[in-house]
Amino acid sequence: MTNKLLTNAREPTYDGIKTRVITQIELMLLQKKLELLKLGMLIPDTLISEMESFASRNIIIEEKNQQTADYMQACCPSCLKAHAVSSAKKIGLNNKAISALQNSLKGNLGHNGYYLDGEELVKL
């Protein structure tokens, strides 16, 4: 099931500067930011932080990782994608960057025009 969800499990990846563990969601978002930067589009750190916050507050499943025996937490990729696009529009990201961000994230754009943020149903 984790292949369909974005996980927030702690992996043994270190950023070398602060020697803290980077979550899979943080790593994925940093990779997306770098991919878009190579295309000449800058995704603001505030948007990346908001996406990390969204993923953390919208955990929908906890699953035990058979290899590490740690528990992985996951959020819905379609809700994350919808929230990312909605947040990007709110901060004034241009349409080309929003489209590139949307194309770089897995999942659909929400669920039939809506997404969940906590217990709130948000209309796109």
PDB file of N, CA and C in Angstrom:
ATOM      1  N   MET A   1       0.816  -1.191   0.000  1.00  0.00           N
ATOM      2  CA  MET A   1       0.000   0.000   0.000  1.00  0.00           C
ATOM      3  C   MET A   1       0.863   1.259   0.000  1.00  0.00           C
ATOM      4  N   THR A   2       2.062   1.213   0.532  1.00  0.00           N
ATOM      5  CA  THR A   2       2.890   2.413   0.597  1.00  0.00           C
ATOM      6  C   THR A   2       3.339   2.893  -0.766  1.00  0.00           C
ATOM      7  N   ASN A   3       3.283   2.056  -1.803  1.00  0.00           N
ATOM      8  CA  ASN A   3       3.674   2.519  -3.120  1.00  0.00           C
ATOM      9  C   ASN A   3       2.664   3.511  -3.694  1.00  0.00           C
ATOM     10  N   LYS A   4       1.480   3.573  -3.156  1.00  0.00           N
ATOM     11  CA  LYS A   4       0.467   4.517  -3.624  1.00  0.00           C
ATOM     12  C   LYS A   4       0.370   5.748  -2.730  1.00  0.00           C
ATOM     13  N   LEU A   5       1.054   5.741  -1.616  1.00  0.00           N
ATOM     14  CA  LEU A   5       0.977   6.839  -0.662  1.00  0.00           C
ATOM     15  C   LEU A   5       2.345   7.453  -0.464  1.00  0.00           C
ATOM     16  N   LEU A   6       2.374   8.726  -0.108  1.00  0.00           N
ATOM     17  CA  LEU A   6       3.631   9.379   0.212  1.00  0.00           C
ATOM     18  C   LEU A   6       3.944   9.112   1.665  1.00  0.00           C
ATOM     19  N   THR A   7       5.088   8.528   1.921  1.00  0.00           N
ATOM     20  CA  THR A   7       5.415   8.150   3.284  1.00  0.00           C
ATOM     21  C   THR A   7       6.233   9.213   3.982  1.00  0.00           C
ATOM     22  N   ASN A   8       6.128   9.215   5.284  1.00  0.00           N
ATOM     23  CA  ASN A   8       6.834  10.157   6.130  1.00  0.00           C
ATOM     24  C   ASN A   8       7.722   9.394   7.112  1.00  0.00           C
ATOM     25  N   ALA A   9       8.201   8.220   6.673  1.00  0.00           N
ATOM     26  CA  ALA A   9       9.029   7.390   7.549  1.00  0.00           C
ATOM     27  C   ALA A   9      10.407   8.004   7.706  1.00  0.00           C
ATOM     28  N   ARG A  10      11.003   7.750   8.832  1.00  0.00           N
ATOM     29  CA  ARG A  10      12.369   8.210   9.074  1.00  0.00           C
ATOM     30  C   ARG A  10      13.327   7.224   8.413  1.00  0.00           C
ATOM     31  N   GLU A  11      14.124   7.705   7.500  1.00  0.00           N
ATOM     32  CA  GLU A  11      15.108   6.887   6.797  1.00  0.00           C
ATOM     33  C   GLU A  11      16.499   7.304   7.256  1.00  0.00           C
ATOM     34  N   PRO A  12      17.486   6.434   7.160  1.00  0.00           N
ATOM     35  CA  PRO A  12      18.845   6.787   7.590  1.00  0.00           C
ATOM     36  C   PRO A  12      19.574   7.654   6.564  1.00  0.00           C
ATOM     37  N   THR A  13      18.974   8.792   6.203  1.00  0.00           N
ATOM     38  CA  THR A  13      19.580   9.757   5.297  1.00  0.00           C
ATOM     39  C   THR A  13      19.882  11.005   6.105  1.00  0.00           C
ATOM     40  N   TYR A  14      21.115  11.487   6.020  1.00  0.00           N
ATOM     41  CA  TYR A  14      21.519  12.627   6.827  1.00  0.00           C
ATOM     42  C   TYR A  14      21.887  13.791   5.940  1.00  0.00           C
ATOM     43  N   ASP A  15      21.578  14.988   6.390  1.00  0.00           N
ATOM     44  CA  ASP A  15      21.874  16.158   5.572  1.00  0.00           C
ATOM     45  C   ASP A  15      23.301  16.646   5.769  1.00  0.00           C
ATOM     46  N   GLY A  16      24.083  16.033   6.633  1.00  0.00           N
ATOM     47  CA  GLY A  16      25.500  16.321   6.778  1.00  0.00           C
ATOM     48  C   GLY A  16      25.821  17.576   7.554  1.00  0.00           C
ATOM     49  N   ILE A  17      24.943  18.535   7.555  1.00  0.00           N
ATOM     50  CA  ILE A  17      25.211  19.789   8.255  1.00  0.00           C
ATOM     51  C   ILE A  17      24.719  19.704   9.691  1.00  0.00           C
ATOM     52  N   LYS A  18      23.472  19.370   9.853  1.00  0.00           N
ATOM     53  CA  LYS A  18      22.892  19.293  11.187  1.00  0.00           C
ATOM     54  C   LYS A  18      22.817  17.855  11.678  1.00  0.00           C
ATOM     55  N   THR A  19      23.188  16.925  10.846  1.00  0.00           N
ATOM     56  CA  THR A  19      23.114  15.493  11.109  1.00  0.00           C
ATOM     57  C   THR A  19      21.772  15.069  11.687  1.00  0.00           C
ATOM     58  N   ARG A  20      20.729  15.551  11.062  1.00  0.00           N
ATOM     59  CA  ARG A  20      19.399  15.111  11.460  1.00  0.00           C
ATOM     60  C   ARG A  20      18.855  14.188  10.383  1.00  0.00           C
ATOM     61  N   VAL A  21      17.913  13.365  10.737  1.00  0.00           N
ATOM     62  CA  VAL A  21      17.319  12.441   9.785  1.00  0.00           C
ATOM     63  C   VAL A  21      16.319  13.204   8.913  1.00  0.00           C
ATOM     64  N   ILE A  22      16.390  12.956   7.618  1.00  0.00           N
ATOM     65  CA  ILE A  22      15.462  13.579   6.674  1.00  0.00           C
ATOM     66  C   ILE A  22      14.351  12.580   6.392  1.00  0.00           C
ATOM     67  N   THR A  23      13.103  13.016   6.465  1.00  0.00           N
ATOM     68  CA  THR A  23      11.994  12.117   6.172  1.00  0.00           C
ATOM     69  C   THR A  23      11.903  11.901   4.674  1.00  0.00           C
ATOM     70  N   GLN A  24      11.234  10.829   4.274  1.00  0.00           N
ATOM     71  CA  GLN A  24      11.056  10.541   2.852  1.00  0.00           C
ATOM     72  C   GLN A  24      10.298  11.663   2.160  1.00  0.00           C
ATOM     73  N   ILE A  25       9.317  12.246   2.828  1.00  0.00           N
ATOM     74  CA  ILE A  25       8.545  13.328   2.208  1.00  0.00           C
ATOM     75  C   ILE A  25       9.437  14.545   1.978  1.00  0.00           C
ATOM     76  N   GLU A  26      10.301  14.861   2.941  1.00  0.00           N
ATOM     77  CA  GLU A  26      11.224  15.982   2.764  1.00  0.00           C
ATOM     78  C   GLU A  26      12.165  15.723   1.600  1.00  0.00           C
ATOM     79  N   LEU A  27      12.678  14.507   1.529  1.00  0.00           N
ATOM     80  CA  LEU A  27      13.592  14.140   0.448  1.00  0.00           C
ATOM     81  C   LEU A  27      12.894  14.233  -0.906  1.00  0.00           C
ATOM     82  N   MET A  28      11.678  13.729  -0.996  1.00  0.00           N
ATOM     83  CA  MET A  28      10.927  13.790  -2.242  1.00  0.00           C
ATOM     84  C   MET A  28      10.679  15.239  -2.654  1.00  0.00           C
ATOM     85  N   LEU A  29      10.305  16.093  -1.704  1.00  0.00           N
ATOM     86  CA  LEU A  29      10.024  17.490  -2.029  1.00  0.00           C
ATOM     87  C   LEU A  29      11.289  18.229  -2.455  1.00  0.00           C
ATOM     88  N   LEU A  30      12.398  17.930  -1.815  1.00  0.00           N
ATOM     89  CA  LEU A  30      13.663  18.544  -2.229  1.00  0.00           C
ATOM     90  C   LEU A  30      14.051  18.097  -3.632  1.00  0.00           C
ATOM     91  N   GLN A  31      13.817  16.831  -3.949  1.00  0.00           N
ATOM     92  CA  GLN A  31      14.104  16.335  -5.292  1.00  0.00           C
ATOM     93  C   GLN A  31      13.231  17.028  -6.326  1.00  0.00           C
ATOM     94  N   LYS A  32      11.946  17.219  -6.003  1.00  0.00           N
ATOM     95  CA  LYS A  32      11.037  17.915  -6.923  1.00  0.00           C
ATOM     96  C   LYS A  32      11.487  19.358  -7.116  1.00  0.00           C
ATOM     97  N   LYS A  33      11.912  19.994  -6.034  1.00  0.00           N
ATOM     98  CA  LYS A  33      12.379  21.377  -6.119  1.00  0.00           C
ATOM     99  C   LYS A  33      13.595  21.460  -7.047  1.00  0.00           C
ATOM    100  N   LEU A  34      14.531  20.514  -6.917  1.00  0.00           N
ATOM    101  CA  LEU A  34      15.717  20.504  -7.776  1.00  0.00           C
ATOM    102  C   LEU A  34      15.359  20.222  -9.233  1.00  0.00           C
ATOM    103  N   GLU A  35      14.431  19.293  -9.464  1.00  0.00           N
ATOM    104  CA  GLU A  35      13.985  19.003 -10.827  1.00  0.00           C
ATOM    105  C   GLU A  35      13.423  20.252 -11.492  1.00  0.00           C
ATOM    106  N   LEU A  36      12.592  20.981 -10.762  1.00  0.00           N
ATOM    107  CA  LEU A  36      11.976  22.181 -11.312  1.00  0.00           C
ATOM    108  C   LEU A  36      12.988  23.307 -11.474  1.00  0.00           C
ATOM    109  N   LEU A  37      13.960  23.373 -10.569  1.00  0.00           N
ATOM    110  CA  LEU A  37      15.007  24.382 -10.671  1.00  0.00           C
ATOM    111  C   LEU A  37      15.820  24.182 -11.949  1.00  0.00           C
ATOM    112  N   LYS A  38      16.058  22.914 -12.303  1.00  0.00           N
ATOM    113  CA  LYS A  38      16.770  22.611 -13.547  1.00  0.00           C
ATOM    114  C   LYS A  38      15.992  23.084 -14.769  1.00  0.00           C
ATOM    115  N   LEU A  39      14.675  23.190 -14.631  1.00  0.00           N
ATOM    116  CA  LEU A  39      13.827  23.676 -15.720  1.00  0.00           C
ATOM    117  C   LEU A  39      13.656  25.199 -15.666  1.00  0.00           C
ATOM    118  N   GLY A  40      14.358  25.825 -14.716  1.00  0.00           N
ATOM    119  CA  GLY A  40      14.301  27.276 -14.596  1.00  0.00           C
ATOM    120  C   GLY A  40      13.152  27.790 -13.743  1.00  0.00           C
ATOM    121  N   MET A  41      12.549  26.916 -12.942  1.00  0.00           N
ATOM    122  CA  MET A  41      11.427  27.314 -12.092  1.00  0.00           C
ATOM    123  C   MET A  41      11.792  27.158 -10.623  1.00  0.00           C
ATOM    124  N   LEU A  42      11.630  28.225  -9.886  1.00  0.00           N
ATOM    125  CA  LEU A  42      11.960  28.209  -8.465  1.00  0.00           C
ATOM    126  C   LEU A  42      10.699  27.993  -7.639  1.00  0.00           C
ATOM    127  N   ILE A  43      10.720  26.965  -6.832  1.00  0.00           N
ATOM    128  CA  ILE A  43       9.621  26.697  -5.899  1.00  0.00           C
ATOM    129  C   ILE A  43      10.054  27.257  -4.551  1.00  0.00           C
ATOM    130  N   PRO A  44       9.319  28.241  -4.026  1.00  0.00           N
ATOM    131  CA  PRO A  44       9.729  28.882  -2.767  1.00  0.00           C
ATOM    132  C   PRO A  44       9.790  27.901  -1.593  1.00  0.00           C
ATOM    133  N   ASP A  45      10.731  28.157  -0.701  1.00  0.00           N
ATOM    134  CA  ASP A  45      10.861  27.321   0.498  1.00  0.00           C
ATOM    135  C   ASP A  45       9.589  27.337   1.336  1.00  0.00           C
ATOM    136  N   THR A  46       8.857  28.452   1.309  1.00  0.00           N
ATOM    137  CA  THR A  46       7.605  28.517   2.072  1.00  0.00           C
ATOM    138  C   THR A  46       6.597  27.497   1.553  1.00  0.00           C
ATOM    139  N   LEU A  47       6.591  27.268   0.237  1.00  0.00           N
ATOM    140  CA  LEU A  47       5.684  26.262  -0.330  1.00  0.00           C
ATOM    141  C   LEU A  47       6.135  24.863   0.051  1.00  0.00           C
ATOM    142  N   ILE A  48       7.424  24.609  -0.008  1.00  0.00           N
ATOM    143  CA  ILE A  48       7.959  23.302   0.404  1.00  0.00           C
ATOM    144  C   ILE A  48       7.623  23.042   1.875  1.00  0.00           C
ATOM    145  N   SER A  49       7.816  24.039   2.719  1.00  0.00           N
ATOM    146  CA  SER A  49       7.499  23.902   4.155  1.00  0.00           C
ATOM    147  C   SER A  49       6.019  23.630   4.365  1.00  0.00           C
ATOM    148  N   GLU A  50       5.166  24.294   3.601  1.00  0.00           N
ATOM    149  CA  GLU A  50       3.719  24.083   3.734  1.00  0.00           C
ATOM    150  C   GLU A  50       3.341  22.666   3.311  1.00  0.00           C
ATOM    151  N   MET A  51       3.979  22.166   2.267  1.00  0.00           N
ATOM    152  CA  MET A  51       3.701  20.804   1.826  1.00  0.00           C
ATOM    153  C   MET A  51       4.161  19.785   2.874  1.00  0.00           C
ATOM    154  N   GLU A  52       5.307  20.034   3.490  1.00  0.00           N
ATOM    155  CA  GLU A  52       5.792  19.154   4.564  1.00  0.00           C
ATOM    156  C   GLU A  52       4.819  19.178   5.741  1.00  0.00           C
ATOM    157  N   SER A  53       4.363  20.374   6.089  1.00  0.00           N
ATOM    158  CA  SER A  53       3.419  20.526   7.195  1.00  0.00           C
ATOM    159  C   SER A  53       2.108  19.800   6.887  1.00  0.00           C
ATOM    160  N   PHE A  54       1.623  19.957   5.661  1.00  0.00           N
ATOM    161  CA  PHE A  54       0.392  19.287   5.241  1.00  0.00           C
ATOM    162  C   PHE A  54       0.543  17.775   5.376  1.00  0.00           C
ATOM    163  N   ALA A  55       1.654  17.238   4.866  1.00  0.00           N
ATOM    164  CA  ALA A  55       1.878  15.789   4.934  1.00  0.00           C
ATOM    165  C   ALA A  55       1.908  15.306   6.385  1.00  0.00           C
ATOM    166  N   SER A  56       2.538  16.070   7.249  1.00  0.00           N
ATOM    167  CA  SER A  56       2.637  15.681   8.657  1.00  0.00           C
ATOM    168  C   SER A  56       1.297  15.705   9.370  1.00  0.00           C
ATOM    169  N   ARG A  57       0.463  16.675   9.043  1.00  0.00           N
ATOM    170  CA  ARG A  57      -0.818  16.785   9.754  1.00  0.00           C
ATOM    171  C   ARG A  57      -1.931  15.961   9.106  1.00  0.00           C
ATOM    172  N   ASN A  58      -1.621  15.295   8.006  1.00  0.00           N
ATOM    173  CA  ASN A  58      -2.636  14.509   7.302  1.00  0.00           C
ATOM    174  C   ASN A  58      -2.219  13.051   7.121  1.00  0.00           C
ATOM    175  N   ILE A  59      -1.624  12.491   8.151  1.00  0.00           N
ATOM    176  CA  ILE A  59      -1.244  11.083   8.131  1.00  0.00           C
ATOM    177  C   ILE A  59      -2.523  10.251   8.108  1.00  0.00           C
ATOM    178  N   ILE A  60      -2.619   9.362   7.127  1.00  0.00           N
ATOM    179  CA  ILE A  60      -3.832   8.542   7.038  1.00  0.00           C
ATOM    180  C   ILE A  60      -3.575   7.067   7.313  1.00  0.00           C
ATOM    181  N   ILE A  61      -2.296   6.690   7.375  1.00  0.00           N
ATOM    182  CA  ILE A  61      -1.985   5.277   7.598  1.00  0.00           C
ATOM    183  C   ILE A  61      -0.633   5.162   8.279  1.00  0.00           C
ATOM    184  N   GLU A  62      -0.530   4.194   9.145  1.00  0.00           N
ATOM    185  CA  GLU A  62       0.757   3.811   9.722  1.00  0.00           C
ATOM    186  C   GLU A  62       0.958   2.350   9.391  1.00  0.00           C
ATOM    187  N   GLU A  63       2.097   2.052   8.796  1.00  0.00           N
ATOM    188  CA  GLU A  63       2.369   0.701   8.359  1.00  0.00           C
ATOM    189  C   GLU A  63       3.774   0.308   8.784  1.00  0.00           C
ATOM    190  N   LYS A  64       3.944  -0.913   9.229  1.00  0.00           N
ATOM    191  CA  LYS A  64       5.262  -1.367   9.664  1.00  0.00           C
ATOM    192  C   LYS A  64       6.120  -1.727   8.457  1.00  0.00           C
ATOM    193  N   ASN A  65       7.311  -1.153   8.408  1.00  0.00           N
ATOM    194  CA  ASN A  65       8.279  -1.456   7.366  1.00  0.00           C
ATOM    195  C   ASN A  65       8.932  -2.789   7.725  1.00  0.00           C
ATOM    196  N   GLN A  66       8.783  -3.774   6.867  1.00  0.00           N
ATOM    197  CA  GLN A  66       9.292  -5.119   7.147  1.00  0.00           C
ATOM    198  C   GLN A  66      10.822  -5.162   7.185  1.00  0.00           C
ATOM    199  N   GLN A  67      11.482  -4.274   6.455  1.00  0.00           N
ATOM    200  CA  GLN A  67      12.944  -4.284   6.413  1.00  0.00           C
ATOM    201  C   GLN A  67      13.561  -3.643   7.652  1.00  0.00           C
ATOM    202  N   THR A  68      12.974  -2.552   8.129  1.00  0.00           N
ATOM    203  CA  THR A  68      13.574  -1.823   9.249  1.00  0.00           C
ATOM    204  C   THR A  68      12.821  -1.981  10.557  1.00  0.00           C
ATOM    205  N   ALA A  69      11.628  -2.540  10.519  1.00  0.00           N
ATOM    206  CA  ALA A  69      10.748  -2.693  11.679  1.00  0.00           C
ATOM    207  C   ALA A  69      10.260  -1.355  12.219  1.00  0.00           C
ATOM    208  N   ASP A  70      10.528  -0.260  11.482  1.00  0.00           N
ATOM    209  CA  ASP A  70       9.994   1.044  11.855  1.00  0.00           C
ATOM    210  C   ASP A  70       8.579   1.182  11.301  1.00  0.00           C
ATOM    211  N   TYR A  71       7.832   2.112  11.881  1.00  0.00           N
ATOM    212  CA  TYR A  71       6.512   2.386  11.357  1.00  0.00           C
ATOM    213  C   TYR A  71       6.592   3.561  10.389  1.00  0.00           C
ATOM    214  N   MET A  72       5.991   3.385   9.211  1.00  0.00           N
ATOM    215  CA  MET A  72       5.958   4.441   8.210  1.00  0.00           C
ATOM    216  C   MET A  72       4.597   5.106   8.259  1.00  0.00           C
ATOM    217  N   GLN A  73       4.614   6.415   8.133  1.00  0.00           N
ATOM    218  CA  GLN A  73       3.378   7.172   8.097  1.00  0.00           C
ATOM    219  C   GLN A  73       3.194   7.705   6.680  1.00  0.00           C
ATOM    220  N   ALA A  74       1.958   7.781   6.220  1.00  0.00           N
ATOM    221  CA  ALA A  74       1.714   8.199   4.849  1.00  0.00           C
ATOM    222  C   ALA A  74       0.512   9.117   4.757  1.00  0.00           C
ATOM    223  N   CYS A  75       0.538   9.976   3.740  1.00  0.00           N
ATOM    224  CA  CYS A  75      -0.613  10.822   3.434  1.00  0.00           C
ATOM    225  C   CYS A  75      -1.049  10.525   2.002  1.00  0.00           C
ATOM    226  N   CYS A  76      -2.220  10.985   1.640  1.00  0.00           N
ATOM    227  CA  CYS A  76      -2.765  10.767   0.305  1.00  0.00           C
ATOM    228  C   CYS A  76      -2.043  11.671  -0.702  1.00  0.00           C
ATOM    229  N   PRO A  77      -1.435  11.102  -1.751  1.00  0.00           N
ATOM    230  CA  PRO A  77      -0.721  11.924  -2.726  1.00  0.00           C
ATOM    231  C   PRO A  77      -1.639  12.855  -3.515  1.00  0.00           C
ATOM    232  N   SER A  78      -2.888  12.455  -3.718  1.00  0.00           N
ATOM    233  CA  SER A  78      -3.829  13.312  -4.451  1.00  0.00           C
ATOM    234  C   SER A  78      -4.206  14.540  -3.629  1.00  0.00           C
ATOM    235  N   CYS A  79      -4.365  14.358  -2.328  1.00  0.00           N
ATOM    236  CA  CYS A  79      -4.661  15.497  -1.452  1.00  0.00           C
ATOM    237  C   CYS A  79      -3.438  16.414  -1.338  1.00  0.00           C
ATOM    238  N   LEU A  80      -2.247  15.823  -1.227  1.00  0.00           N
ATOM    239  CA  LEU A  80      -1.027  16.625  -1.161  1.00  0.00           C
ATOM    240  C   LEU A  80      -0.849  17.446  -2.435  1.00  0.00           C
ATOM    241  N   LYS A  81      -1.080  16.818  -3.580  1.00  0.00           N
ATOM    242  CA  LYS A  81      -0.951  17.516  -4.858  1.00  0.00           C
ATOM    243  C   LYS A  81      -1.945  18.671  -4.941  1.00  0.00           C
ATOM    244  N   ALA A  82      -3.182  18.430  -4.548  1.00  0.00           N
ATOM    245  CA  ALA A  82      -4.203  19.480  -4.576  1.00  0.00           C
ATOM    246  C   ALA A  82      -3.836  20.626  -3.642  1.00  0.00           C
ATOM    247  N   HIS A  83      -3.360  20.287  -2.449  1.00  0.00           N
ATOM    248  CA  HIS A  83      -2.972  21.328  -1.496  1.00  0.00           C
ATOM    249  C   HIS A  83      -1.775  22.117  -2.011  1.00  0.00           C
ATOM    250  N   ALA A  84      -0.819  21.431  -2.634  1.00  0.00           N
ATOM    251  CA  ALA A  84       0.362  22.104  -3.177  1.00  0.00           C
ATOM    252  C   ALA A  84      -0.033  23.100  -4.260  1.00  0.00           C
ATOM    253  N   VAL A  85      -0.902  22.692  -5.168  1.00  0.00           N
ATOM    254  CA  VAL A  85      -1.341  23.581  -6.251  1.00  0.00           C
ATOM    255  C   VAL A  85      -2.148  24.747  -5.689  1.00  0.00           C
ATOM    256  N   SER A  86      -3.043  24.462  -4.745  1.00  0.00           N
ATOM    257  CA  SER A  86      -3.840  25.518  -4.118  1.00  0.00           C
ATOM    258  C   SER A  86      -2.943  26.524  -3.391  1.00  0.00           C
ATOM    259  N   SER A  87      -1.965  26.024  -2.639  1.00  0.00           N
ATOM    260  CA  SER A  87      -1.042  26.897  -1.909  1.00  0.00           C
ATOM    261  C   SER A  87      -0.171  27.699  -2.872  1.00  0.00           C
ATOM    262  N   ALA A  88       0.253  27.073  -3.967  1.00  0.00           N
ATOM    263  CA  ALA A  88       1.080  27.767  -4.965  1.00  0.00           C
ATOM    264  C   ALA A  88       0.317  28.939  -5.576  1.00  0.00           C
ATOM    265  N   LYS A  89      -0.959  28.732  -5.832  1.00  0.00           N
ATOM    266  CA  LYS A  89      -1.789  29.821  -6.381  1.00  0.00           C
ATOM    267  C   LYS A  89      -1.930  30.949  -5.367  1.00  0.00           C
ATOM    268  N   LYS A  90      -2.119  30.584  -4.100  1.00  0.00           N
ATOM    269  CA  LYS A  90      -2.291  31.598  -3.050  1.00  0.00           C
ATOM    270  C   LYS A  90      -1.053  32.467  -2.871  1.00  0.00           C
ATOM    271  N   ILE A  91       0.146  31.877  -3.047  1.00  0.00           N
ATOM    272  CA  ILE A  91       1.357  32.679  -2.871  1.00  0.00           C
ATOM    273  C   ILE A  91       1.778  33.385  -4.153  1.00  0.00           C
ATOM    274  N   GLY A  92       1.021  33.182  -5.238  1.00  0.00           N
ATOM    275  CA  GLY A  92       1.275  33.913  -6.471  1.00  0.00           C
ATOM    276  C   GLY A  92       2.303  33.296  -7.394  1.00  0.00           C
ATOM    277  N   LEU A  93       2.521  31.997  -7.299  1.00  0.00           N
ATOM    278  CA  LEU A  93       3.432  31.319  -8.211  1.00  0.00           C
ATOM    279  C   LEU A  93       2.855  31.408  -9.621  1.00  0.00           C
ATOM    280  N   ASN A  94       3.707  31.622 -10.624  1.00  0.00           N
ATOM    281  CA  ASN A  94       3.177  31.776 -11.987  1.00  0.00           C
ATOM    282  C   ASN A  94       2.628  30.457 -12.515  1.00  0.00           C
ATOM    283  N   ASN A  95       1.778  30.549 -13.537  1.00  0.00           N
ATOM    284  CA  ASN A  95       1.071  29.382 -14.066  1.00  0.00           C
ATOM    285  C   ASN A  95       2.019  28.312 -14.606  1.00  0.00           C
ATOM    286  N   LYS A  96       3.125  28.720 -15.214  1.00  0.00           N
ATOM    287  CA  LYS A  96       4.087  27.756 -15.753  1.00  0.00           C
ATOM    288  C   LYS A  96       4.698  26.931 -14.618  1.00  0.00           C
ATOM    289  N   ALA A  97       5.063  27.577 -13.519  1.00  0.00           N
ATOM    290  CA  ALA A  97       5.636  26.874 -12.372  1.00  0.00           C
ATOM    291  C   ALA A  97       4.594  25.988 -11.700  1.00  0.00           C
ATOM    292  N   ILE A  98       3.357  26.471 -11.613  1.00  0.00           N
ATOM    293  CA  ILE A  98       2.283  25.671 -11.013  1.00  0.00           C
ATOM    294  C   ILE A  98       2.043  24.413 -11.849  1.00  0.00           C
ATOM    295  N   SER A  99       2.012  24.573 -13.149  1.00  0.00           N
ATOM    296  CA  SER A  99       1.811  23.429 -14.044  1.00  0.00           C
ATOM    297  C   SER A  99       2.959  22.425 -13.911  1.00  0.00           C
ATOM    298  N   ALA A 100       4.185  22.916 -13.844  1.00  0.00           N
ATOM    299  CA  ALA A 100       5.347  22.033 -13.687  1.00  0.00           C
ATOM    300  C   ALA A 100       5.296  21.314 -12.343  1.00  0.00           C
ATOM    301  N   LEU A 101       4.918  22.032 -11.285  1.00  0.00           N
ATOM    302  CA  LEU A 101       4.778  21.422  -9.958  1.00  0.00           C
ATOM    303  C   LEU A 101       3.717  20.334  -9.996  1.00  0.00           C
ATOM    304  N   GLN A 102       2.584  20.644 -10.590  1.00  0.00           N
ATOM    305  CA  GLN A 102       1.480  19.695 -10.682  1.00  0.00           C
ATOM    306  C   GLN A 102       1.906  18.447 -11.454  1.00  0.00           C
ATOM    307  N   ASN A 103       2.622  18.629 -12.540  1.00  0.00           N
ATOM    308  CA  ASN A 103       3.063  17.483 -13.349  1.00  0.00           C
ATOM    309  C   ASN A 103       4.142  16.658 -12.656  1.00  0.00           C
ATOM    310  N   SER A 104       4.861  17.249 -11.727  1.00  0.00           N
ATOM    311  CA  SER A 104       5.946  16.534 -11.061  1.00  0.00           C
ATOM    312  C   SER A 104       5.472  15.689  -9.885  1.00  0.00           C
ATOM    313  N   LEU A 105       4.264  15.944  -9.391  1.00  0.00           N
ATOM    314  CA  LEU A 105       3.747  15.210  -8.230  1.00  0.00           C
ATOM    315  C   LEU A 105       2.846  14.066  -8.671  1.00  0.00           C
ATOM    316  N   LYS A 106       2.927  12.956  -7.951  1.00  0.00           N
ATOM    317  CA  LYS A 106       2.088  11.795  -8.247  1.00  0.00           C
ATOM    318  C   LYS A 106       0.656  12.062  -7.801  1.00  0.00           C
ATOM    319  N   GLY A 107      -0.245  11.260  -8.328  1.00  0.00           N
ATOM    320  CA  GLY A 107      -1.640  11.325  -7.913  1.00  0.00           C
ATOM    321  C   GLY A 107      -2.461  12.255  -8.776  1.00  0.00           C
ATOM    322  N   ASN A 108      -3.734  12.289  -8.464  1.00  0.00           N
ATOM    323  CA  ASN A 108      -4.673  13.186  -9.133  1.00  0.00           C
ATOM    324  C   ASN A 108      -4.693  14.516  -8.410  1.00  0.00           C
ATOM    325  N   LEU A 109      -5.356  15.478  -8.990  1.00  0.00           N
ATOM    326  CA  LEU A 109      -5.511  16.775  -8.346  1.00  0.00           C
ATOM    327  C   LEU A 109      -6.742  16.704  -7.432  1.00  0.00           C
ATOM    328  N   GLY A 110      -6.535  16.162  -6.244  1.00  0.00           N
ATOM    329  CA  GLY A 110      -7.620  16.008  -5.277  1.00  0.00           C
ATOM    330  C   GLY A 110      -8.554  14.875  -5.671  1.00  0.00           C
ATOM    331  N   HIS A 111      -9.774  14.986  -5.157  1.00  0.00           N
ATOM    332  CA  HIS A 111     -10.801  13.968  -5.386  1.00  0.00           C
ATOM    333  C   HIS A 111     -12.081  14.672  -5.807  1.00  0.00           C
ATOM    334  N   ASN A 112     -12.370  14.640  -7.095  1.00  0.00           N
ATOM    335  CA  ASN A 112     -13.592  15.265  -7.639  1.00  0.00           C
ATOM    336  C   ASN A 112     -13.732  16.719  -7.222  1.00  0.00           C
ATOM    337  N   GLY A 113     -12.636  17.468  -7.307  1.00  0.00           N
ATOM    338  CA  GLY A 113     -12.670  18.898  -7.015  1.00  0.00           C
ATOM    339  C   GLY A 113     -12.494  19.266  -5.549  1.00  0.00           C
ATOM    340  N   TYR A 114     -12.148  18.306  -4.705  1.00  0.00           N
ATOM    341  CA  TYR A 114     -11.975  18.548  -3.275  1.00  0.00           C
ATOM    342  C   TYR A 114     -10.735  17.812  -2.770  1.00  0.00           C
ATOM    343  N   TYR A 115     -10.283  18.216  -1.593  1.00  0.00           N
ATOM    344  CA  TYR A 115      -9.253  17.459  -0.883  1.00  0.00           C
ATOM    345  C   TYR A 115      -9.456  17.673   0.610  1.00  0.00           C
ATOM    346  N   LEU A 116      -8.919  16.747   1.389  1.00  0.00           N
ATOM    347  CA  LEU A 116      -9.025  16.841   2.846  1.00  0.00           C
ATOM    348  C   LEU A 116      -7.764  17.455   3.423  1.00  0.00           C
ATOM    349  N   ASP A 117      -7.969  18.370   4.344  1.00  0.00           N
ATOM    350  CA  ASP A 117      -6.866  18.915   5.158  1.00  0.00           C
ATOM    351  C   ASP A 117      -7.319  18.768   6.584  1.00  0.00           C
ATOM    352  N   GLY A 118      -6.793  17.735   7.247  1.00  0.00           N
ATOM    353  CA  GLY A 118      -7.277  17.396   8.579  1.00  0.00           C
ATOM    354  C   GLY A 118      -8.710  16.908   8.450  1.00  0.00           C
ATOM    355  N   GLU A 119      -9.598  17.564   9.160  1.00  0.00           N
ATOM    356  CA  GLU A 119     -11.014  17.206   9.083  1.00  0.00           C
ATOM    357  C   GLU A 119     -11.794  18.156   8.189  1.00  0.00           C
ATOM    358  N   GLU A 120     -11.092  19.078   7.533  1.00  0.00           N
ATOM    359  CA  GLU A 120     -11.744  20.072   6.681  1.00  0.00           C
ATOM    360  C   GLU A 120     -11.749  19.617   5.219  1.00  0.00           C
ATOM    361  N   LEU A 121     -12.903  19.631   4.591  1.00  0.00           N
ATOM    362  CA  LEU A 121     -13.030  19.349   3.188  1.00  0.00           C
ATOM    363  C   LEU A 121     -12.836  20.656   2.425  1.00  0.00           C
ATOM    364  N   VAL A 122     -11.794  20.740   1.608  1.00  0.00           N
ATOM    365  CA  VAL A 122     -11.427  21.975   0.926  1.00  0.00           C
ATOM    366  C   VAL A 122     -11.790  21.847  -0.553  1.00  0.00           C
ATOM    367  N   LYS A 123     -12.503  22.863  -1.067  1.00  0.00           N
ATOM    368  CA  LYS A 123     -12.880  22.882  -2.490  1.00  0.00           C
ATOM    369  C   LYS A 123     -11.749  23.522  -3.286  1.00  0.00           C
ATOM    370  N   LEU A 124     -11.397  22.888  -4.395  1.00  0.00           N
ATOM    371  CA  LEU A 124     -10.359  23.436  -5.276  1.00  0.00           C
ATOM    372  C   LEU A 124     -10.898  24.604  -6.089  1.00  0.00           C
TER     373      LEU A 124
END
